[in-house]
């Protein structure tokens, strides 16, 4: 086993405990922010990877729309970040035409 493998071992019990003990809204929020970062990175590529960015943006929009207020106290932040990415997507699309 390499050093990298041993330092990155997956502790299934620890992961299960984290998922069990952490509020669902927190876990979903973490995933939403990762997805928002992913979309931003795809838009920042040269040239922008518009199909990938659009897929991620559409997925985040669906999650935010489906979860709504149940996503907790940060739902307005998710909506704001999503709106900014949607605007960046529109700008990136316009600059390729």
PDB file of N, CA and C in Angstrom:
ATOM      1  N   UNK A   1       0.855  -1.176   0.000  1.00  0.00           N
ATOM      2  CA  UNK A   1       0.000   0.000   0.000  1.00  0.00           C
ATOM      3  C   UNK A   1       0.898   1.235   0.000  1.00  0.00           C
ATOM      4  N   UNK A   2       0.613   2.188  -0.892  1.00  0.00           N
ATOM      5  CA  UNK A   2       1.422   3.398  -0.972  1.00  0.00           C
ATOM      6  C   UNK A   2       1.068   4.359   0.156  1.00  0.00           C
ATOM      7  N   UNK A   3       1.954   5.332   0.379  1.00  0.00           N
ATOM      8  CA  UNK A   3       1.706   6.350   1.408  1.00  0.00           C
ATOM      9  C   UNK A   3       0.411   7.095   1.120  1.00  0.00           C
ATOM     10  N   UNK A   4       0.185   7.412  -0.178  1.00  0.00           N
ATOM     11  CA  UNK A   4      -1.022   8.148  -0.551  1.00  0.00           C
ATOM     12  C   UNK A   4      -2.264   7.344  -0.202  1.00  0.00           C
ATOM     13  N   UNK A   5      -2.250   6.050  -0.492  1.00  0.00           N
ATOM     14  CA  UNK A   5      -3.407   5.216  -0.181  1.00  0.00           C
ATOM     15  C   UNK A   5      -3.655   5.151   1.319  1.00  0.00           C
ATOM     16  N   UNK A   6      -2.607   5.002   2.112  1.00  0.00           N
ATOM     17  CA  UNK A   6      -2.798   4.882   3.554  1.00  0.00           C
ATOM     18  C   UNK A   6      -3.265   6.199   4.172  1.00  0.00           C
ATOM     19  N   UNK A   7      -2.831   7.341   3.624  1.00  0.00           N
ATOM     20  CA  UNK A   7      -3.237   8.624   4.192  1.00  0.00           C
ATOM     21  C   UNK A   7      -4.636   9.030   3.748  1.00  0.00           C
ATOM     22  N   UNK A   8      -5.150   8.356   2.736  1.00  0.00           N
ATOM     23  CA  UNK A   8      -6.472   8.712   2.229  1.00  0.00           C
ATOM     24  C   UNK A   8      -7.488   7.594   2.444  1.00  0.00           C
ATOM     25  N   UNK A   9      -7.200   6.707   3.398  1.00  0.00           N
ATOM     26  CA  UNK A   9      -8.125   5.614   3.665  1.00  0.00           C
ATOM     27  C   UNK A   9      -9.495   6.158   4.036  1.00  0.00           C
ATOM     28  N   UNK A  10     -10.483   5.507   3.532  1.00  0.00           N
ATOM     29  CA  UNK A  10     -11.862   5.893   3.796  1.00  0.00           C
ATOM     30  C   UNK A  10     -12.344   5.172   5.044  1.00  0.00           C
ATOM     31  N   UNK A  11     -12.756   5.922   6.019  1.00  0.00           N
ATOM     32  CA  UNK A  11     -13.277   5.355   7.260  1.00  0.00           C
ATOM     33  C   UNK A  11     -14.799   5.367   7.158  1.00  0.00           C
ATOM     34  N   UNK A  12     -15.342   4.244   6.772  1.00  0.00           N
ATOM     35  CA  UNK A  12     -16.782   4.142   6.536  1.00  0.00           C
ATOM     36  C   UNK A  12     -17.594   4.445   7.791  1.00  0.00           C
ATOM     37  N   UNK A  13     -17.141   3.976   8.925  1.00  0.00           N
ATOM     38  CA  UNK A  13     -17.871   4.219  10.173  1.00  0.00           C
ATOM     39  C   UNK A  13     -17.860   5.697  10.523  1.00  0.00           C
ATOM     40  N   UNK A  14     -16.726   6.342  10.319  1.00  0.00           N
ATOM     41  CA  UNK A  14     -16.631   7.781  10.605  1.00  0.00           C
ATOM     42  C   UNK A  14     -17.524   8.577   9.652  1.00  0.00           C
ATOM     43  N   UNK A  15     -17.532   8.198   8.387  1.00  0.00           N
ATOM     44  CA  UNK A  15     -18.384   8.874   7.407  1.00  0.00           C
ATOM     45  C   UNK A  15     -19.862   8.679   7.762  1.00  0.00           C
ATOM     46  N   UNK A  16     -20.241   7.479   8.146  1.00  0.00           N
ATOM     47  CA  UNK A  16     -21.631   7.208   8.519  1.00  0.00           C
ATOM     48  C   UNK A  16     -22.022   8.025   9.743  1.00  0.00           C
ATOM     49  N   UNK A  17     -21.118   8.137  10.706  1.00  0.00           N
ATOM     50  CA  UNK A  17     -21.405   8.931  11.905  1.00  0.00           C
ATOM     51  C   UNK A  17     -21.589  10.397  11.542  1.00  0.00           C
ATOM     52  N   UNK A  18     -20.727  10.898  10.656  1.00  0.00           N
ATOM     53  CA  UNK A  18     -20.852  12.293  10.213  1.00  0.00           C
ATOM     54  C   UNK A  18     -22.210  12.514   9.549  1.00  0.00           C
ATOM     55  N   UNK A  19     -22.587  11.627   8.647  1.00  0.00           N
ATOM     56  CA  UNK A  19     -23.863  11.773   7.942  1.00  0.00           C
ATOM     57  C   UNK A  19     -25.044  11.662   8.898  1.00  0.00           C
ATOM     58  N   UNK A  20     -24.928  10.805   9.878  1.00  0.00           N
ATOM     59  CA  UNK A  20     -26.011  10.615  10.844  1.00  0.00           C
ATOM     60  C   UNK A  20     -26.147  11.825  11.771  1.00  0.00           C
ATOM     61  N   UNK A  21     -25.016  12.420  12.156  1.00  0.00           N
ATOM     62  CA  UNK A  21     -25.011  13.479  13.158  1.00  0.00           C
ATOM     63  C   UNK A  21     -25.140  14.893  12.600  1.00  0.00           C
ATOM     64  N   UNK A  22     -24.966  15.050  11.309  1.00  0.00           N
ATOM     65  CA  UNK A  22     -24.979  16.376  10.694  1.00  0.00           C
ATOM     66  C   UNK A  22     -26.366  16.661  10.124  1.00  0.00           C
ATOM     67  N   UNK A  23     -26.896  17.861  10.375  1.00  0.00           N
ATOM     68  CA  UNK A  23     -28.207  18.191   9.802  1.00  0.00           C
ATOM     69  C   UNK A  23     -28.196  18.071   8.269  1.00  0.00           C
ATOM     70  N   UNK A  24     -29.268  17.556   7.730  1.00  0.00           N
ATOM     71  CA  UNK A  24     -29.389  17.361   6.287  1.00  0.00           C
ATOM     72  C   UNK A  24     -29.160  18.682   5.544  1.00  0.00           C
ATOM     73  N   UNK A  25     -29.676  19.777   6.104  1.00  0.00           N
ATOM     74  CA  UNK A  25     -29.521  21.079   5.460  1.00  0.00           C
ATOM     75  C   UNK A  25     -28.042  21.451   5.312  1.00  0.00           C
ATOM     76  N   UNK A  26     -27.235  21.085   6.284  1.00  0.00           N
ATOM     77  CA  UNK A  26     -25.803  21.374   6.232  1.00  0.00           C
ATOM     78  C   UNK A  26     -25.121  20.554   5.149  1.00  0.00           C
ATOM     79  N   UNK A  27     -25.454  19.292   5.064  1.00  0.00           N
ATOM     80  CA  UNK A  27     -24.850  18.425   4.050  1.00  0.00           C
ATOM     81  C   UNK A  27     -25.255  18.889   2.657  1.00  0.00           C
ATOM     82  N   UNK A  28     -26.535  19.183   2.472  1.00  0.00           N
ATOM     83  CA  UNK A  28     -26.987  19.671   1.167  1.00  0.00           C
ATOM     84  C   UNK A  28     -26.327  21.000   0.825  1.00  0.00           C
ATOM     85  N   UNK A  29     -26.200  21.884   1.803  1.00  0.00           N
ATOM     86  CA  UNK A  29     -25.537  23.165   1.578  1.00  0.00           C
ATOM     87  C   UNK A  29     -24.097  22.982   1.137  1.00  0.00           C
ATOM     88  N   UNK A  30     -23.390  22.064   1.771  1.00  0.00           N
ATOM     89  CA  UNK A  30     -22.012  21.784   1.366  1.00  0.00           C
ATOM     90  C   UNK A  30     -21.951  21.317  -0.083  1.00  0.00           C
ATOM     91  N   UNK A  31     -22.860  20.443  -0.444  1.00  0.00           N
ATOM     92  CA  UNK A  31     -22.890  19.942  -1.816  1.00  0.00           C
ATOM     93  C   UNK A  31     -23.276  21.045  -2.808  1.00  0.00           C
ATOM     94  N   UNK A  32     -24.211  21.887  -2.417  1.00  0.00           N
ATOM     95  CA  UNK A  32     -24.588  22.995  -3.291  1.00  0.00           C
ATOM     96  C   UNK A  32     -23.396  23.901  -3.570  1.00  0.00           C
ATOM     97  N   UNK A  33     -22.625  24.212  -2.536  1.00  0.00           N
ATOM     98  CA  UNK A  33     -21.468  25.085  -2.737  1.00  0.00           C
ATOM     99  C   UNK A  33     -20.400  24.423  -3.593  1.00  0.00           C
ATOM    100  N   UNK A  34     -20.201  23.123  -3.445  1.00  0.00           N
ATOM    101  CA  UNK A  34     -19.248  22.425  -4.317  1.00  0.00           C
ATOM    102  C   UNK A  34     -19.720  22.499  -5.765  1.00  0.00           C
ATOM    103  N   UNK A  35     -21.010  22.286  -5.975  1.00  0.00           N
ATOM    104  CA  UNK A  35     -21.553  22.353  -7.334  1.00  0.00           C
ATOM    105  C   UNK A  35     -21.453  23.765  -7.904  1.00  0.00           C
ATOM    106  N   UNK A  36     -21.712  24.774  -7.084  1.00  0.00           N
ATOM    107  CA  UNK A  36     -21.587  26.155  -7.547  1.00  0.00           C
ATOM    108  C   UNK A  36     -20.136  26.469  -7.930  1.00  0.00           C
ATOM    109  N   UNK A  37     -19.200  25.973  -7.139  1.00  0.00           N
ATOM    110  CA  UNK A  37     -17.782  26.165  -7.475  1.00  0.00           C
ATOM    111  C   UNK A  37     -17.435  25.449  -8.766  1.00  0.00           C
ATOM    112  N   UNK A  38     -17.973  24.266  -8.960  1.00  0.00           N
ATOM    113  CA  UNK A  38     -17.729  23.508 -10.175  1.00  0.00           C
ATOM    114  C   UNK A  38     -18.221  24.275 -11.398  1.00  0.00           C
ATOM    115  N   UNK A  39     -19.417  24.832 -11.326  1.00  0.00           N
ATOM    116  CA  UNK A  39     -19.949  25.620 -12.444  1.00  0.00           C
ATOM    117  C   UNK A  39     -19.068  26.832 -12.717  1.00  0.00           C
ATOM    118  N   UNK A  40     -18.640  27.516 -11.660  1.00  0.00           N
ATOM    119  CA  UNK A  40     -17.779  28.689 -11.832  1.00  0.00           C
ATOM    120  C   UNK A  40     -16.460  28.302 -12.493  1.00  0.00           C
ATOM    121  N   UNK A  41     -15.903  27.171 -12.099  1.00  0.00           N
ATOM    122  CA  UNK A  41     -14.655  26.720 -12.711  1.00  0.00           C
ATOM    123  C   UNK A  41     -14.836  26.396 -14.187  1.00  0.00           C
ATOM    124  N   UNK A  42     -15.954  25.781 -14.532  1.00  0.00           N
ATOM    125  CA  UNK A  42     -16.213  25.457 -15.944  1.00  0.00           C
ATOM    126  C   UNK A  42     -16.395  26.738 -16.766  1.00  0.00           C
ATOM    127  N   UNK A  43     -17.016  27.747 -16.168  1.00  0.00           N
ATOM    128  CA  UNK A  43     -17.180  29.025 -16.869  1.00  0.00           C
ATOM    129  C   UNK A  43     -15.852  29.755 -17.009  1.00  0.00           C
ATOM    130  N   UNK A  44     -14.930  29.514 -16.089  1.00  0.00           N
ATOM    131  CA  UNK A  44     -13.631  30.197 -16.112  1.00  0.00           C
ATOM    132  C   UNK A  44     -12.634  29.538 -17.059  1.00  0.00           C
ATOM    133  N   UNK A  45     -12.958  28.356 -17.562  1.00  0.00           N
ATOM    134  CA  UNK A  45     -12.050  27.693 -18.505  1.00  0.00           C
ATOM    135  C   UNK A  45     -11.949  28.531 -19.770  1.00  0.00           C
ATOM    136  N   UNK A  46     -10.863  28.329 -20.498  1.00  0.00           N
ATOM    137  CA  UNK A  46     -10.678  29.083 -21.740  1.00  0.00           C
ATOM    138  C   UNK A  46     -10.533  28.097 -22.894  1.00  0.00           C
ATOM    139  N   UNK A  47     -11.534  27.961 -23.728  1.00  0.00           N
ATOM    140  CA  UNK A  47     -12.833  28.634 -23.675  1.00  0.00           C
ATOM    141  C   UNK A  47     -13.718  28.014 -22.591  1.00  0.00           C
ATOM    142  N   UNK A  48     -14.732  28.773 -22.203  1.00  0.00           N
ATOM    143  CA  UNK A  48     -15.661  28.296 -21.180  1.00  0.00           C
ATOM    144  C   UNK A  48     -16.303  26.989 -21.629  1.00  0.00           C
ATOM    145  N   UNK A  49     -16.434  26.063 -20.701  1.00  0.00           N
ATOM    146  CA  UNK A  49     -17.100  24.796 -20.980  1.00  0.00           C
ATOM    147  C   UNK A  49     -18.586  24.993 -20.692  1.00  0.00           C
ATOM    148  N   UNK A  50     -19.269  25.569 -21.665  1.00  0.00           N
ATOM    149  CA  UNK A  50     -20.670  25.956 -21.479  1.00  0.00           C
ATOM    150  C   UNK A  50     -21.610  24.776 -21.222  1.00  0.00           C
ATOM    151  N   UNK A  51     -21.488  23.661 -21.966  1.00  0.00           N
ATOM    152  CA  UNK A  51     -22.396  22.543 -21.685  1.00  0.00           C
ATOM    153  C   UNK A  51     -22.253  22.011 -20.257  1.00  0.00           C
ATOM    154  N   UNK A  52     -21.017  21.899 -19.774  1.00  0.00           N
ATOM    155  CA  UNK A  52     -20.803  21.406 -18.411  1.00  0.00           C
ATOM    156  C   UNK A  52     -21.350  22.401 -17.399  1.00  0.00           C
ATOM    157  N   UNK A  53     -21.071  23.684 -17.606  1.00  0.00           N
ATOM    158  CA  UNK A  53     -21.560  24.717 -16.686  1.00  0.00           C
ATOM    159  C   UNK A  53     -23.079  24.722 -16.664  1.00  0.00           C
ATOM    160  N   UNK A  54     -23.699  24.603 -17.825  1.00  0.00           N
ATOM    161  CA  UNK A  54     -25.157  24.618 -17.890  1.00  0.00           C
ATOM    162  C   UNK A  54     -25.762  23.433 -17.140  1.00  0.00           C
ATOM    163  N   UNK A  55     -25.160  22.259 -17.286  1.00  0.00           N
ATOM    164  CA  UNK A  55     -25.662  21.083 -16.574  1.00  0.00           C
ATOM    165  C   UNK A  55     -25.605  21.294 -15.064  1.00  0.00           C
ATOM    166  N   UNK A  56     -24.482  21.815 -14.581  1.00  0.00           N
ATOM    167  CA  UNK A  56     -24.338  22.025 -13.139  1.00  0.00           C
ATOM    168  C   UNK A  56     -25.311  23.105 -12.654  1.00  0.00           C
ATOM    169  N   UNK A  57     -25.405  24.201 -13.399  1.00  0.00           N
ATOM    170  CA  UNK A  57     -26.309  25.290 -13.018  1.00  0.00           C
ATOM    171  C   UNK A  57     -27.754  24.802 -12.984  1.00  0.00           C
ATOM    172  N   UNK A  58     -28.152  24.046 -13.990  1.00  0.00           N
ATOM    173  CA  UNK A  58     -29.519  23.509 -14.031  1.00  0.00           C
ATOM    174  C   UNK A  58     -29.781  22.555 -12.862  1.00  0.00           C
ATOM    175  N   UNK A  59     -28.779  21.762 -12.505  1.00  0.00           N
ATOM    176  CA  UNK A  59     -28.926  20.825 -11.390  1.00  0.00           C
ATOM    177  C   UNK A  59     -29.061  21.565 -10.068  1.00  0.00           C
ATOM    178  N   UNK A  60     -28.232  22.589  -9.862  1.00  0.00           N
ATOM    179  CA  UNK A  60     -28.331  23.387  -8.639  1.00  0.00           C
ATOM    180  C   UNK A  60     -29.687  24.083  -8.585  1.00  0.00           C
ATOM    181  N   UNK A  61     -30.131  24.627  -9.698  1.00  0.00           N
ATOM    182  CA  UNK A  61     -31.434  25.302  -9.734  1.00  0.00           C
ATOM    183  C   UNK A  61     -32.547  24.331  -9.344  1.00  0.00           C
ATOM    184  N   UNK A  62     -32.472  23.109  -9.854  1.00  0.00           N
ATOM    185  CA  UNK A  62     -33.490  22.111  -9.518  1.00  0.00           C
ATOM    186  C   UNK A  62     -33.457  21.780  -8.026  1.00  0.00           C
ATOM    187  N   UNK A  63     -32.251  21.642  -7.481  1.00  0.00           N
ATOM    188  CA  UNK A  63     -32.123  21.339  -6.050  1.00  0.00           C
ATOM    189  C   UNK A  63     -32.674  22.478  -5.195  1.00  0.00           C
ATOM    190  N   UNK A  64     -32.323  23.705  -5.546  1.00  0.00           N
ATOM    191  CA  UNK A  64     -32.780  24.861  -4.764  1.00  0.00           C
ATOM    192  C   UNK A  64     -34.296  25.018  -4.894  1.00  0.00           C
ATOM    193  N   UNK A  65     -34.807  24.848  -6.102  1.00  0.00           N
ATOM    194  CA  UNK A  65     -36.257  24.950  -6.294  1.00  0.00           C
ATOM    195  C   UNK A  65     -37.001  23.853  -5.543  1.00  0.00           C
ATOM    196  N   UNK A  66     -36.478  22.642  -5.569  1.00  0.00           N
ATOM    197  CA  UNK A  66     -37.143  21.526  -4.894  1.00  0.00           C
ATOM    198  C   UNK A  66     -37.053  21.660  -3.379  1.00  0.00           C
ATOM    199  N   UNK A  67     -35.905  22.092  -2.892  1.00  0.00           N
ATOM    200  CA  UNK A  67     -35.713  22.196  -1.445  1.00  0.00           C
ATOM    201  C   UNK A  67     -36.335  23.431  -0.852  1.00  0.00           C
ATOM    202  N   UNK A  68     -36.277  24.533  -1.602  1.00  0.00           N
ATOM    203  CA  UNK A  68     -36.866  25.786  -1.141  1.00  0.00           C
ATOM    204  C   UNK A  68     -36.431  26.152   0.267  1.00  0.00           C
ATOM    205  N   UNK A  69     -37.363  26.636   1.028  1.00  0.00           N
ATOM    206  CA  UNK A  69     -37.091  27.093   2.388  1.00  0.00           C
ATOM    207  C   UNK A  69     -36.624  25.970   3.307  1.00  0.00           C
ATOM    208  N   UNK A  70     -36.901  24.735   2.919  1.00  0.00           N
ATOM    209  CA  UNK A  70     -36.461  23.610   3.741  1.00  0.00           C
ATOM    210  C   UNK A  70     -34.941  23.471   3.757  1.00  0.00           C
ATOM    211  N   UNK A  71     -34.251  24.162   2.841  1.00  0.00           N
ATOM    212  CA  UNK A  71     -32.788  24.106   2.814  1.00  0.00           C
ATOM    213  C   UNK A  71     -32.162  24.894   3.957  1.00  0.00           C
ATOM    214  N   UNK A  72     -32.980  25.612   4.692  1.00  0.00           N
ATOM    215  CA  UNK A  72     -32.491  26.257   5.900  1.00  0.00           C
ATOM    216  C   UNK A  72     -32.163  27.724   5.738  1.00  0.00           C
ATOM    217  N   UNK A  73     -31.435  28.216   6.714  1.00  0.00           N
ATOM    218  CA  UNK A  73     -31.184  29.647   6.833  1.00  0.00           C
ATOM    219  C   UNK A  73     -30.346  30.234   5.699  1.00  0.00           C
ATOM    220  N   UNK A  74     -29.641  29.412   4.943  1.00  0.00           N
ATOM    221  CA  UNK A  74     -28.759  29.919   3.890  1.00  0.00           C
ATOM    222  C   UNK A  74     -29.384  29.859   2.490  1.00  0.00           C
ATOM    223  N   UNK A  75     -30.677  29.554   2.412  1.00  0.00           N
ATOM    224  CA  UNK A  75     -31.312  29.388   1.107  1.00  0.00           C
ATOM    225  C   UNK A  75     -31.185  30.648   0.254  1.00  0.00           C
ATOM    226  N   UNK A  76     -31.262  31.831   0.850  1.00  0.00           N
ATOM    227  CA  UNK A  76     -31.124  33.061   0.064  1.00  0.00           C
ATOM    228  C   UNK A  76     -29.715  33.198  -0.494  1.00  0.00           C
ATOM    229  N   UNK A  77     -28.731  32.732   0.237  1.00  0.00           N
ATOM    230  CA  UNK A  77     -27.351  32.741  -0.246  1.00  0.00           C
ATOM    231  C   UNK A  77     -27.198  31.806  -1.446  1.00  0.00           C
ATOM    232  N   UNK A  78     -27.806  30.625  -1.379  1.00  0.00           N
ATOM    233  CA  UNK A  78     -27.762  29.697  -2.512  1.00  0.00           C
ATOM    234  C   UNK A  78     -28.425  30.327  -3.739  1.00  0.00           C
ATOM    235  N   UNK A  79     -29.562  30.955  -3.517  1.00  0.00           N
ATOM    236  CA  UNK A  79     -30.280  31.590  -4.633  1.00  0.00           C
ATOM    237  C   UNK A  79     -29.457  32.718  -5.245  1.00  0.00           C
ATOM    238  N   UNK A  80     -28.827  33.501  -4.413  1.00  0.00           N
ATOM    239  CA  UNK A  80     -28.002  34.616  -4.884  1.00  0.00           C
ATOM    240  C   UNK A  80     -26.803  34.107  -5.685  1.00  0.00           C
ATOM    241  N   UNK A  81     -26.119  33.105  -5.155  1.00  0.00           N
ATOM    242  CA  UNK A  81     -24.955  32.542  -5.850  1.00  0.00           C
ATOM    243  C   UNK A  81     -25.387  31.915  -7.171  1.00  0.00           C
ATOM    244  N   UNK A  82     -26.531  31.257  -7.168  1.00  0.00           N
ATOM    245  CA  UNK A  82     -27.051  30.668  -8.399  1.00  0.00           C
ATOM    246  C   UNK A  82     -27.361  31.751  -9.424  1.00  0.00           C
ATOM    247  N   UNK A  83     -27.993  32.835  -9.004  1.00  0.00           N
ATOM    248  CA  UNK A  83     -28.315  33.931  -9.921  1.00  0.00           C
ATOM    249  C   UNK A  83     -27.042  34.540 -10.520  1.00  0.00           C
ATOM    250  N   UNK A  84     -26.011  34.679  -9.708  1.00  0.00           N
ATOM    251  CA  UNK A  84     -24.743  35.209 -10.218  1.00  0.00           C
ATOM    252  C   UNK A  84     -24.146  34.282 -11.270  1.00  0.00           C
ATOM    253  N   UNK A  85     -24.201  32.989 -11.015  1.00  0.00           N
ATOM    254  CA  UNK A  85     -23.673  32.040 -11.990  1.00  0.00           C
ATOM    255  C   UNK A  85     -24.505  32.031 -13.264  1.00  0.00           C
ATOM    256  N   UNK A  86     -25.803  32.155 -13.121  1.00  0.00           N
ATOM    257  CA  UNK A  86     -26.652  32.214 -14.312  1.00  0.00           C
ATOM    258  C   UNK A  86     -26.305  33.433 -15.157  1.00  0.00           C
ATOM    259  N   UNK A  87     -26.052  34.562 -14.512  1.00  0.00           N
ATOM    260  CA  UNK A  87     -25.651  35.775 -15.236  1.00  0.00           C
ATOM    261  C   UNK A  87     -24.289  35.583 -15.891  1.00  0.00           C
ATOM    262  N   UNK A  88     -23.362  34.957 -15.188  1.00  0.00           N
ATOM    263  CA  UNK A  88     -22.036  34.690 -15.758  1.00  0.00           C
ATOM    264  C   UNK A  88     -22.159  33.759 -16.959  1.00  0.00           C
ATOM    265  N   UNK A  89     -23.061  32.804 -16.883  1.00  0.00           N
ATOM    266  CA  UNK A  89     -23.289  31.900 -18.009  1.00  0.00           C
ATOM    267  C   UNK A  89     -23.803  32.672 -19.225  1.00  0.00           C
ATOM    268  N   UNK A  90     -24.753  33.555 -18.999  1.00  0.00           N
ATOM    269  CA  UNK A  90     -25.295  34.363 -20.094  1.00  0.00           C
ATOM    270  C   UNK A  90     -24.198  35.214 -20.734  1.00  0.00           C
ATOM    271  N   UNK A  91     -23.363  35.843 -19.893  1.00  0.00           N
ATOM    272  CA  UNK A  91     -22.243  36.633 -20.420  1.00  0.00           C
ATOM    273  C   UNK A  91     -21.281  35.769 -21.215  1.00  0.00           C
ATOM    274  N   UNK A  92     -20.965  34.575 -20.710  1.00  0.00           N
ATOM    275  CA  UNK A  92     -20.038  33.688 -21.400  1.00  0.00           C
ATOM    276  C   UNK A  92     -20.622  33.219 -22.722  1.00  0.00           C
ATOM    277  N   UNK A  93     -21.919  32.966 -22.729  1.00  0.00           N
ATOM    278  CA  UNK A  93     -22.582  32.550 -23.959  1.00  0.00           C
ATOM    279  C   UNK A  93     -22.555  33.676 -24.985  1.00  0.00           C
ATOM    280  N   UNK A  94     -22.811  34.897 -24.533  1.00  0.00           N
ATOM    281  CA  UNK A  94     -22.819  36.057 -25.434  1.00  0.00           C
ATOM    282  C   UNK A  94     -21.426  36.315 -26.007  1.00  0.00           C
ATOM    283  N   UNK A  95     -20.391  36.056 -25.225  1.00  0.00           N
ATOM    284  CA  UNK A  95     -19.033  36.342 -25.698  1.00  0.00           C
ATOM    285  C   UNK A  95     -18.532  35.306 -26.701  1.00  0.00           C
ATOM    286  N   UNK A  96     -19.216  34.161 -26.800  1.00  0.00           N
ATOM    287  CA  UNK A  96     -18.817  33.144 -27.772  1.00  0.00           C
ATOM    288  C   UNK A  96     -19.532  33.319 -29.103  1.00  0.00           C
ATOM    289  N   UNK A  97     -20.520  34.189 -29.118  1.00  0.00           N
ATOM    290  CA  UNK A  97     -21.290  34.419 -30.368  1.00  0.00           C
ATOM    291  C   UNK A  97     -20.754  35.589 -31.141  1.00  0.00           C
TER     292      UNK A  97
END
